[in-house]
Amino acid sequence: MKWDLDFSEILIKGRASRGNQVTKYNIKKVELKEEGVSTLKPRKIWFDDTVQRLNVDGRGELLGEFRGEDRLLIINQKGLVKTIIPEVTARFDDDMIVLEKWSPKKPISAIYFHGEKELFYVKRFLVENEEREETFLPEVDGSYLEVVSTDYKPVAELVFNKPRGKEQPPNEPVDVDEFIAVKGIGAQGNQLTKSKVKQINWLDPLPFEEPETTPAVEVEVNDETIVSSTESSDGNAAAKPNKETKDDNAPDPDIDDSGQASLF
């Protein structure tokens, strides 16, 4: 006999709690059927732009469903990028331009103006260190971030300056994924164009099917020779009663040591 157990159905209890009974049968061994991510049910998190805070109450913009290991991606206008664990106490800068659930394998595409070369460059990169804030712009006077995208296949539209005495050049679309490969965060990137650019816009991204997420852990219980955890002196199995007890002094899992409510 086999069971596929979903441990996300088991409520988190205090340290002294015995938890929930998995089965009434005596178990010889438990085998891991498949390794994957945490089986705790994900929690929806919103961002309230009015107060610049995260919440789980449905106020503001839904950022997605988060498990304990998931992080938020943050990019600001200065070209700084970082990831954080979502907490209700987190604070955000006024110049933040990207706030979303972080996907480690999804490239970030940035178009910036190089102050020394006086030209626009485009680069694609991944967050290399999730614990550290990093800059992806060159430390050159006059450099600034024009636009940034977290789409898998973004398309930029270049609007050129009108030459004196000539017709307006047509806008030029650029498939960023085809234009440049994903490189390190410190790479300069590729020169976008030698022409004078008036404006750069993002068009609708090209279709892309996101990779499937890792399946949740499933535990398989094999119905083999039943052996009790305790045996009587004559070798006969003596089953222990399994009664769930509640520890009144157990801490509330939703309240941390400082008395603040946490998201996980």
C-alpha atoms as a PDB file:
ATOM      1  CA  MET A   1       0.000   0.000   0.000  1.00  0.00           C
ATOM      2  CA  LYS A   2       1.318   3.491  -0.857  1.00  0.00           C
ATOM      3  CA  TRP A   3       0.349   7.013   0.042  1.00  0.00           C
ATOM      4  CA  ASP A   4       1.414  10.263  -1.648  1.00  0.00           C
ATOM      5  CA  LEU A   5       1.525  12.669   1.252  1.00  0.00           C
ATOM      6  CA  ASP A   6       1.193  16.431   0.890  1.00  0.00           C
ATOM      7  CA  PHE A   7       2.844  17.859   3.996  1.00  0.00           C
ATOM      8  CA  SER A   8       1.580  21.335   3.103  1.00  0.00           C
ATOM      9  CA  GLU A   9      -1.698  20.238   4.670  1.00  0.00           C
ATOM     10  CA  ILE A  10       0.032  19.925   8.071  1.00  0.00           C
ATOM     11  CA  LEU A  11      -0.273  23.141  10.063  1.00  0.00           C
ATOM     12  CA  ILE A  12       2.850  24.684  11.587  1.00  0.00           C
ATOM     13  CA  LYS A  13       2.631  24.267  15.331  1.00  0.00           C
ATOM     14  CA  GLY A  14       4.717  25.196  18.347  1.00  0.00           C
ATOM     15  CA  ARG A  15       7.994  23.424  19.086  1.00  0.00           C
ATOM     16  CA  ALA A  16       6.435  21.319  21.821  1.00  0.00           C
ATOM     17  CA  SER A  17       3.527  20.206  19.674  1.00  0.00           C
ATOM     18  CA  ARG A  18       3.494  16.632  18.347  1.00  0.00           C
ATOM     19  CA  GLY A  19       1.924  17.709  15.031  1.00  0.00           C
ATOM     20  CA  ASN A  20      -0.597  15.669  13.023  1.00  0.00           C
ATOM     21  CA  GLN A  21      -0.863  11.907  12.796  1.00  0.00           C
ATOM     22  CA  VAL A  22       0.197  10.731   9.307  1.00  0.00           C
ATOM     23  CA  THR A  23      -1.195   7.192   9.492  1.00  0.00           C
ATOM     24  CA  LYS A  24      -2.670   4.834  12.060  1.00  0.00           C
ATOM     25  CA  TYR A  25      -0.427   1.984  10.823  1.00  0.00           C
ATOM     26  CA  ASN A  26       3.007   1.204  12.232  1.00  0.00           C
ATOM     27  CA  ILE A  27       5.701   2.328   9.776  1.00  0.00           C
ATOM     28  CA  LYS A  28       8.947   0.512   9.060  1.00  0.00           C
ATOM     29  CA  LYS A  29      10.530   3.235   6.947  1.00  0.00           C
ATOM     30  CA  VAL A  30       9.749   6.377   4.960  1.00  0.00           C
ATOM     31  CA  GLU A  31      11.359   6.877   1.561  1.00  0.00           C
ATOM     32  CA  LEU A  32      11.803  10.151  -0.326  1.00  0.00           C
ATOM     33  CA  LYS A  33      10.014   9.734  -3.642  1.00  0.00           C
ATOM     34  CA  GLU A  34      11.232  12.953  -5.240  1.00  0.00           C
ATOM     35  CA  GLU A  35      13.301  15.915  -4.034  1.00  0.00           C
ATOM     36  CA  GLY A  36      11.964  19.369  -4.734  1.00  0.00           C
ATOM     37  CA  VAL A  37      11.064  22.667  -3.136  1.00  0.00           C
ATOM     38  CA  SER A  38       9.353  23.298   0.149  1.00  0.00           C
ATOM     39  CA  THR A  39       5.880  21.812   0.355  1.00  0.00           C
ATOM     40  CA  LEU A  40       4.472  24.591   2.523  1.00  0.00           C
ATOM     41  CA  LYS A  41       1.634  26.278   0.723  1.00  0.00           C
ATOM     42  CA  PRO A  42       2.730  29.545  -0.902  1.00  0.00           C
ATOM     43  CA  ARG A  43       1.482  32.809   0.534  1.00  0.00           C
ATOM     44  CA  LYS A  44       0.261  35.688  -1.623  1.00  0.00           C
ATOM     45  CA  ILE A  45       2.023  38.995  -1.065  1.00  0.00           C
ATOM     46  CA  TRP A  46       0.891  42.457  -2.159  1.00  0.00           C
ATOM     47  CA  PHE A  47       2.695  45.810  -2.383  1.00  0.00           C
ATOM     48  CA  ASP A  48       0.784  48.892  -1.278  1.00  0.00           C
ATOM     49  CA  ASP A  49       2.255  51.825  -3.219  1.00  0.00           C
ATOM     50  CA  THR A  50       0.478  54.329  -0.970  1.00  0.00           C
ATOM     51  CA  VAL A  51       2.498  53.403   2.109  1.00  0.00           C
ATOM     52  CA  GLN A  52       5.378  51.664   0.275  1.00  0.00           C
ATOM     53  CA  ARG A  53       4.947  48.463   2.298  1.00  0.00           C
ATOM     54  CA  LEU A  54       4.310  44.772   1.746  1.00  0.00           C
ATOM     55  CA  ASN A  55       1.221  43.049   3.118  1.00  0.00           C
ATOM     56  CA  VAL A  56      -0.752  39.801   2.977  1.00  0.00           C
ATOM     57  CA  ASP A  57      -4.136  41.512   3.232  1.00  0.00           C
ATOM     58  CA  GLY A  58      -4.793  42.077  -0.460  1.00  0.00           C
ATOM     59  CA  ARG A  59      -3.965  45.789  -0.515  1.00  0.00           C
ATOM     60  CA  GLY A  60      -2.263  47.160  -3.622  1.00  0.00           C
ATOM     61  CA  GLU A  61      -0.506  45.203  -6.371  1.00  0.00           C
ATOM     62  CA  LEU A  62      -0.208  41.412  -6.161  1.00  0.00           C
ATOM     63  CA  LEU A  63       3.459  40.418  -6.425  1.00  0.00           C
ATOM     64  CA  GLY A  64       2.828  36.678  -6.535  1.00  0.00           C
ATOM     65  CA  GLU A  65       2.806  33.602  -4.341  1.00  0.00           C
ATOM     66  CA  PHE A  66       5.884  33.118  -2.158  1.00  0.00           C
ATOM     67  CA  ARG A  67       7.368  30.207  -0.258  1.00  0.00           C
ATOM     68  CA  GLY A  68      10.012  30.607   2.411  1.00  0.00           C
ATOM     69  CA  GLU A  69      12.945  30.489  -0.026  1.00  0.00           C
ATOM     70  CA  ASP A  70      11.499  32.947  -2.571  1.00  0.00           C
ATOM     71  CA  ARG A  71      12.848  36.502  -2.851  1.00  0.00           C
ATOM     72  CA  LEU A  72      11.906  39.885  -4.283  1.00  0.00           C
ATOM     73  CA  LEU A  73      13.860  41.576  -7.076  1.00  0.00           C
ATOM     74  CA  ILE A  74      14.432  45.325  -6.654  1.00  0.00           C
ATOM     75  CA  ILE A  75      15.963  47.714  -9.212  1.00  0.00           C
ATOM     76  CA  ASN A  76      16.195  51.485  -8.827  1.00  0.00           C
ATOM     77  CA  GLN A  77      16.841  54.363 -11.217  1.00  0.00           C
ATOM     78  CA  LYS A  78      20.495  54.599 -10.129  1.00  0.00           C
ATOM     79  CA  GLY A  79      21.195  51.173 -11.649  1.00  0.00           C
ATOM     80  CA  LEU A  80      21.308  49.276  -8.362  1.00  0.00           C
ATOM     81  CA  VAL A  81      19.889  45.760  -8.219  1.00  0.00           C
ATOM     82  CA  LYS A  82      19.337  43.456  -5.248  1.00  0.00           C
ATOM     83  CA  THR A  83      17.089  40.691  -3.950  1.00  0.00           C
ATOM     84  CA  ILE A  84      15.502  40.526  -0.504  1.00  0.00           C
ATOM     85  CA  ILE A  85      13.381  38.164   1.541  1.00  0.00           C
ATOM     86  CA  PRO A  86       9.854  39.619   1.617  1.00  0.00           C
ATOM     87  CA  GLU A  87       9.072  40.983   5.078  1.00  0.00           C
ATOM     88  CA  VAL A  88       6.350  43.329   6.240  1.00  0.00           C
ATOM     89  CA  THR A  89       9.028  45.557   7.783  1.00  0.00           C
ATOM     90  CA  ALA A  90      10.905  46.024   4.455  1.00  0.00           C
ATOM     91  CA  ARG A  91      11.264  49.600   3.236  1.00  0.00           C
ATOM     92  CA  PHE A  92      11.685  50.771  -0.350  1.00  0.00           C
ATOM     93  CA  ASP A  93      13.358  53.747  -2.024  1.00  0.00           C
ATOM     94  CA  ASP A  94      11.336  56.372  -3.847  1.00  0.00           C
ATOM     95  CA  ASP A  95      13.368  55.817  -7.049  1.00  0.00           C
ATOM     96  CA  MET A  96      12.526  52.101  -7.207  1.00  0.00           C
ATOM     97  CA  ILE A  97      11.446  51.159 -10.755  1.00  0.00           C
ATOM     98  CA  VAL A  98      11.218  47.346 -10.517  1.00  0.00           C
ATOM     99  CA  LEU A  99       9.662  45.304  -7.714  1.00  0.00           C
ATOM    100  CA  GLU A 100       8.658  41.744  -8.509  1.00  0.00           C
ATOM    101  CA  LYS A 101       9.098  38.129  -7.520  1.00  0.00           C
ATOM    102  CA  TRP A 102      12.652  37.150  -8.408  1.00  0.00           C
ATOM    103  CA  SER A 103      13.246  34.421 -10.962  1.00  0.00           C
ATOM    104  CA  PRO A 104      16.987  33.542 -10.779  1.00  0.00           C
ATOM    105  CA  LYS A 105      17.149  32.325 -14.386  1.00  0.00           C
ATOM    106  CA  LYS A 106      15.302  35.272 -15.952  1.00  0.00           C
ATOM    107  CA  PRO A 107      17.705  37.838 -17.454  1.00  0.00           C
ATOM    108  CA  ILE A 108      17.512  41.564 -16.762  1.00  0.00           C
ATOM    109  CA  SER A 109      17.794  43.756 -19.869  1.00  0.00           C
ATOM    110  CA  ALA A 110      19.028  47.335 -19.442  1.00  0.00           C
ATOM    111  CA  ILE A 111      19.617  50.147 -21.927  1.00  0.00           C
ATOM    112  CA  TYR A 112      21.801  52.944 -20.581  1.00  0.00           C
ATOM    113  CA  PHE A 113      23.639  56.029 -21.785  1.00  0.00           C
ATOM    114  CA  HIS A 114      27.434  55.881 -21.479  1.00  0.00           C
ATOM    115  CA  GLY A 115      28.595  59.290 -20.320  1.00  0.00           C
ATOM    116  CA  GLU A 116      32.116  59.050 -21.734  1.00  0.00           C
ATOM    117  CA  LYS A 117      31.239  57.546 -25.118  1.00  0.00           C
ATOM    118  CA  GLU A 118      27.986  59.530 -25.381  1.00  0.00           C
ATOM    119  CA  LEU A 119      26.193  56.549 -26.889  1.00  0.00           C
ATOM    120  CA  PHE A 120      23.489  54.148 -25.773  1.00  0.00           C
ATOM    121  CA  TYR A 121      24.459  50.594 -24.778  1.00  0.00           C
ATOM    122  CA  VAL A 122      22.360  47.528 -24.041  1.00  0.00           C
ATOM    123  CA  LYS A 123      23.254  44.673 -21.711  1.00  0.00           C
ATOM    124  CA  ARG A 124      21.643  41.518 -20.351  1.00  0.00           C
ATOM    125  CA  PHE A 125      22.657  39.891 -17.096  1.00  0.00           C
ATOM    126  CA  LEU A 126      21.569  37.772 -14.148  1.00  0.00           C
ATOM    127  CA  VAL A 127      21.770  38.612 -10.461  1.00  0.00           C
ATOM    128  CA  GLU A 128      25.043  36.957  -9.459  1.00  0.00           C
ATOM    129  CA  ASN A 129      24.895  37.408  -5.695  1.00  0.00           C
ATOM    130  CA  GLU A 130      21.457  37.353  -4.100  1.00  0.00           C
ATOM    131  CA  GLU A 131      22.825  38.599  -0.770  1.00  0.00           C
ATOM    132  CA  ARG A 132      24.535  41.730  -2.123  1.00  0.00           C
ATOM    133  CA  GLU A 133      23.389  44.962  -3.738  1.00  0.00           C
ATOM    134  CA  GLU A 134      25.227  45.579  -7.027  1.00  0.00           C
ATOM    135  CA  THR A 135      25.360  48.269  -9.688  1.00  0.00           C
ATOM    136  CA  PHE A 136      25.127  47.458 -13.397  1.00  0.00           C
ATOM    137  CA  LEU A 137      25.961  50.936 -14.741  1.00  0.00           C
ATOM    138  CA  PRO A 138      29.510  52.124 -15.486  1.00  0.00           C
ATOM    139  CA  GLU A 139      30.984  54.466 -12.899  1.00  0.00           C
ATOM    140  CA  VAL A 140      31.450  57.241 -15.463  1.00  0.00           C
ATOM    141  CA  ASP A 141      30.155  60.776 -15.112  1.00  0.00           C
ATOM    142  CA  GLY A 142      27.112  61.429 -17.257  1.00  0.00           C
ATOM    143  CA  SER A 143      26.025  57.776 -17.411  1.00  0.00           C
ATOM    144  CA  TYR A 144      22.393  57.021 -16.615  1.00  0.00           C
ATOM    145  CA  LEU A 145      19.815  54.254 -16.935  1.00  0.00           C
ATOM    146  CA  GLU A 146      17.344  54.812 -19.767  1.00  0.00           C
ATOM    147  CA  VAL A 147      15.048  51.762 -19.539  1.00  0.00           C
ATOM    148  CA  VAL A 148      15.113  48.309 -17.943  1.00  0.00           C
ATOM    149  CA  SER A 149      13.028  45.174 -18.547  1.00  0.00           C
ATOM    150  CA  THR A 150      12.616  41.822 -16.829  1.00  0.00           C
ATOM    151  CA  ASP A 151      10.846  40.163 -19.766  1.00  0.00           C
ATOM    152  CA  TYR A 152      12.476  37.057 -21.222  1.00  0.00           C
ATOM    153  CA  LYS A 153      12.339  38.438 -24.789  1.00  0.00           C
ATOM    154  CA  PRO A 154      11.984  42.228 -24.645  1.00  0.00           C
ATOM    155  CA  VAL A 155      11.721  44.390 -27.761  1.00  0.00           C
ATOM    156  CA  ALA A 156      12.962  47.980 -27.712  1.00  0.00           C
ATOM    157  CA  GLU A 157      11.846  50.723 -30.082  1.00  0.00           C
ATOM    158  CA  LEU A 158      14.402  53.373 -31.046  1.00  0.00           C
ATOM    159  CA  VAL A 159      13.042  56.812 -31.944  1.00  0.00           C
ATOM    160  CA  PHE A 160      15.726  58.838 -33.749  1.00  0.00           C
ATOM    161  CA  ASN A 161      16.319  62.560 -33.918  1.00  0.00           C
ATOM    162  CA  LYS A 162      15.164  64.238 -37.116  1.00  0.00           C
ATOM    163  CA  PRO A 163      18.200  65.453 -39.123  1.00  0.00           C
ATOM    164  CA  ARG A 164      18.030  69.076 -40.200  1.00  0.00           C
ATOM    165  CA  GLY A 165      16.575  69.375 -43.671  1.00  0.00           C
ATOM    166  CA  LYS A 166      15.766  65.657 -43.897  1.00  0.00           C
ATOM    167  CA  GLU A 167      12.770  63.455 -43.238  1.00  0.00           C
ATOM    168  CA  GLN A 168      12.188  61.803 -39.899  1.00  0.00           C
ATOM    169  CA  PRO A 169      13.932  58.385 -39.846  1.00  0.00           C
ATOM    170  CA  PRO A 170      11.575  55.462 -39.171  1.00  0.00           C
ATOM    171  CA  ASN A 171      11.528  53.958 -35.709  1.00  0.00           C
ATOM    172  CA  GLU A 172      13.680  50.864 -35.342  1.00  0.00           C
ATOM    173  CA  PRO A 173      12.614  47.806 -33.290  1.00  0.00           C
ATOM    174  CA  VAL A 174      15.377  45.837 -31.573  1.00  0.00           C
ATOM    175  CA  ASP A 175      14.946  42.228 -30.444  1.00  0.00           C
ATOM    176  CA  VAL A 176      17.170  42.440 -27.361  1.00  0.00           C
ATOM    177  CA  ASP A 177      17.430  38.665 -26.957  1.00  0.00           C
ATOM    178  CA  GLU A 178      18.829  38.379 -30.512  1.00  0.00           C
ATOM    179  CA  PHE A 179      20.915  41.538 -30.234  1.00  0.00           C
ATOM    180  CA  ILE A 180      23.015  40.511 -27.236  1.00  0.00           C
ATOM    181  CA  ALA A 181      23.682  37.379 -25.172  1.00  0.00           C
ATOM    182  CA  VAL A 182      23.423  37.227 -21.400  1.00  0.00           C
ATOM    183  CA  LYS A 183      26.759  38.320 -19.893  1.00  0.00           C
ATOM    184  CA  GLY A 184      28.128  39.177 -16.475  1.00  0.00           C
ATOM    185  CA  ILE A 185      26.629  42.039 -14.513  1.00  0.00           C
ATOM    186  CA  GLY A 186      29.871  44.016 -14.837  1.00  0.00           C
ATOM    187  CA  ALA A 187      30.033  43.745 -18.647  1.00  0.00           C
ATOM    188  CA  GLN A 188      29.754  46.931 -20.673  1.00  0.00           C
ATOM    189  CA  GLY A 189      27.297  45.438 -23.148  1.00  0.00           C
ATOM    190  CA  ASN A 190      26.851  46.216 -26.846  1.00  0.00           C
ATOM    191  CA  GLN A 191      26.553  49.581 -28.503  1.00  0.00           C
ATOM    192  CA  LEU A 192      22.928  50.018 -29.458  1.00  0.00           C
ATOM    193  CA  THR A 193      23.332  52.438 -32.379  1.00  0.00           C
ATOM    194  CA  LYS A 194      25.620  55.206 -33.630  1.00  0.00           C
ATOM    195  CA  SER A 195      22.677  57.402 -34.598  1.00  0.00           C
ATOM    196  CA  LYS A 196      21.341  60.126 -32.340  1.00  0.00           C
ATOM    197  CA  VAL A 197      18.450  58.690 -30.343  1.00  0.00           C
ATOM    198  CA  LYS A 198      15.587  60.858 -29.171  1.00  0.00           C
ATOM    199  CA  GLN A 199      13.629  58.275 -27.211  1.00  0.00           C
ATOM    200  CA  ILE A 200      13.641  54.558 -26.353  1.00  0.00           C
ATOM    201  CA  ASN A 201      10.423  52.660 -25.628  1.00  0.00           C
ATOM    202  CA  TRP A 202       9.578  49.074 -24.778  1.00  0.00           C
ATOM    203  CA  LEU A 203       7.240  47.302 -27.169  1.00  0.00           C
ATOM    204  CA  ASP A 204       5.284  44.157 -26.341  1.00  0.00           C
ATOM    205  CA  PRO A 205       7.744  41.327 -25.603  1.00  0.00           C
ATOM    206  CA  LEU A 206       7.993  38.315 -27.888  1.00  0.00           C
ATOM    207  CA  PRO A 207       6.181  35.140 -26.767  1.00  0.00           C
ATOM    208  CA  PHE A 208       8.109  32.930 -24.390  1.00  0.00           C
ATOM    209  CA  GLU A 209       7.055  29.863 -22.433  1.00  0.00           C
ATOM    210  CA  GLU A 210       8.451  30.032 -18.940  1.00  0.00           C
ATOM    211  CA  PRO A 211      10.164  26.872 -17.643  1.00  0.00           C
ATOM    212  CA  GLU A 212       8.111  24.707 -15.314  1.00  0.00           C
ATOM    213  CA  THR A 213       8.710  25.056 -11.609  1.00  0.00           C
ATOM    214  CA  THR A 214      10.186  22.228  -9.555  1.00  0.00           C
ATOM    215  CA  PRO A 215       7.467  19.829  -8.342  1.00  0.00           C
ATOM    216  CA  ALA A 216       6.742  19.620  -4.643  1.00  0.00           C
ATOM    217  CA  VAL A 217       8.171  16.882  -2.475  1.00  0.00           C
ATOM    218  CA  GLU A 218       6.139  13.682  -2.334  1.00  0.00           C
ATOM    219  CA  VAL A 219       6.785  11.078   0.351  1.00  0.00           C
ATOM    220  CA  GLU A 220       6.081   7.430  -0.355  1.00  0.00           C
ATOM    221  CA  VAL A 221       5.244   5.073   2.472  1.00  0.00           C
ATOM    222  CA  ASN A 222       5.900   1.416   1.582  1.00  0.00           C
ATOM    223  CA  ASP A 223       3.609  -1.216   3.082  1.00  0.00           C
ATOM    224  CA  GLU A 224       6.261  -3.743   4.114  1.00  0.00           C
ATOM    225  CA  THR A 225       6.542  -5.952   7.173  1.00  0.00           C
ATOM    226  CA  ILE A 226       4.956  -3.953   9.941  1.00  0.00           C
ATOM    227  CA  VAL A 227       7.301  -3.303  12.830  1.00  0.00           C
ATOM    228  CA  SER A 228       6.204  -1.351  15.868  1.00  0.00           C
ATOM    229  CA  SER A 229       8.384   1.355  17.376  1.00  0.00           C
ATOM    230  CA  THR A 230       8.228  -0.588  20.674  1.00  0.00           C
ATOM    231  CA  GLU A 231       8.032  -4.293  21.398  1.00  0.00           C
ATOM    232  CA  SER A 232       6.970  -6.201  24.469  1.00  0.00           C
ATOM    233  CA  SER A 233       9.392  -8.542  26.243  1.00  0.00           C
ATOM    234  CA  ASP A 234       7.950 -11.579  24.428  1.00  0.00           C
ATOM    235  CA  GLY A 235       8.619 -10.022  20.991  1.00  0.00           C
ATOM    236  CA  ASN A 236       5.026  -9.004  20.275  1.00  0.00           C
ATOM    237  CA  ALA A 237       4.489  -5.501  18.971  1.00  0.00           C
ATOM    238  CA  ALA A 238       2.832  -3.135  21.414  1.00  0.00           C
ATOM    239  CA  ALA A 239       1.394  -0.103  19.695  1.00  0.00           C
ATOM    240  CA  LYS A 240       1.566   3.226  21.515  1.00  0.00           C
ATOM    241  CA  PRO A 241      -1.491   5.409  21.599  1.00  0.00           C
ATOM    242  CA  ASN A 242      -1.074   8.463  19.356  1.00  0.00           C
ATOM    243  CA  LYS A 243      -2.864  11.400  20.944  1.00  0.00           C
ATOM    244  CA  GLU A 244      -2.267  14.915  19.735  1.00  0.00           C
ATOM    245  CA  THR A 245      -1.497  17.305  22.546  1.00  0.00           C
ATOM    246  CA  LYS A 246      -1.396  21.063  22.513  1.00  0.00           C
ATOM    247  CA  ASP A 247       1.251  23.057  24.340  1.00  0.00           C
ATOM    248  CA  ASP A 248      -0.348  26.216  25.673  1.00  0.00           C
ATOM    249  CA  ASN A 249       3.121  27.758  26.045  1.00  0.00           C
ATOM    250  CA  ALA A 250       4.133  27.094  22.430  1.00  0.00           C
ATOM    251  CA  PRO A 251       4.971  30.277  20.479  1.00  0.00           C
ATOM    252  CA  ASP A 252       2.657  31.586  17.815  1.00  0.00           C
ATOM    253  CA  PRO A 253       4.388  30.875  14.469  1.00  0.00           C
ATOM    254  CA  ASP A 254       3.044  34.111  12.979  1.00  0.00           C
ATOM    255  CA  ILE A 255       4.734  36.342  15.580  1.00  0.00           C
ATOM    256  CA  ASP A 256       8.528  36.826  15.665  1.00  0.00           C
ATOM    257  CA  ASP A 257      10.709  37.573  18.703  1.00  0.00           C
ATOM    258  CA  SER A 258      10.145  41.317  18.406  1.00  0.00           C
ATOM    259  CA  GLY A 259       6.380  40.943  18.350  1.00  0.00           C
ATOM    260  CA  GLN A 260       6.171  41.765  14.615  1.00  0.00           C
ATOM    261  CA  ALA A 261       3.964  39.749  12.301  1.00  0.00           C
ATOM    262  CA  SER A 262       6.040  37.989   9.644  1.00  0.00           C
ATOM    263  CA  LEU A 263       5.006  36.857   6.160  1.00  0.00           C
ATOM    264  CA  PHE A 264       6.303  33.315   6.714  1.00  0.00           C
END
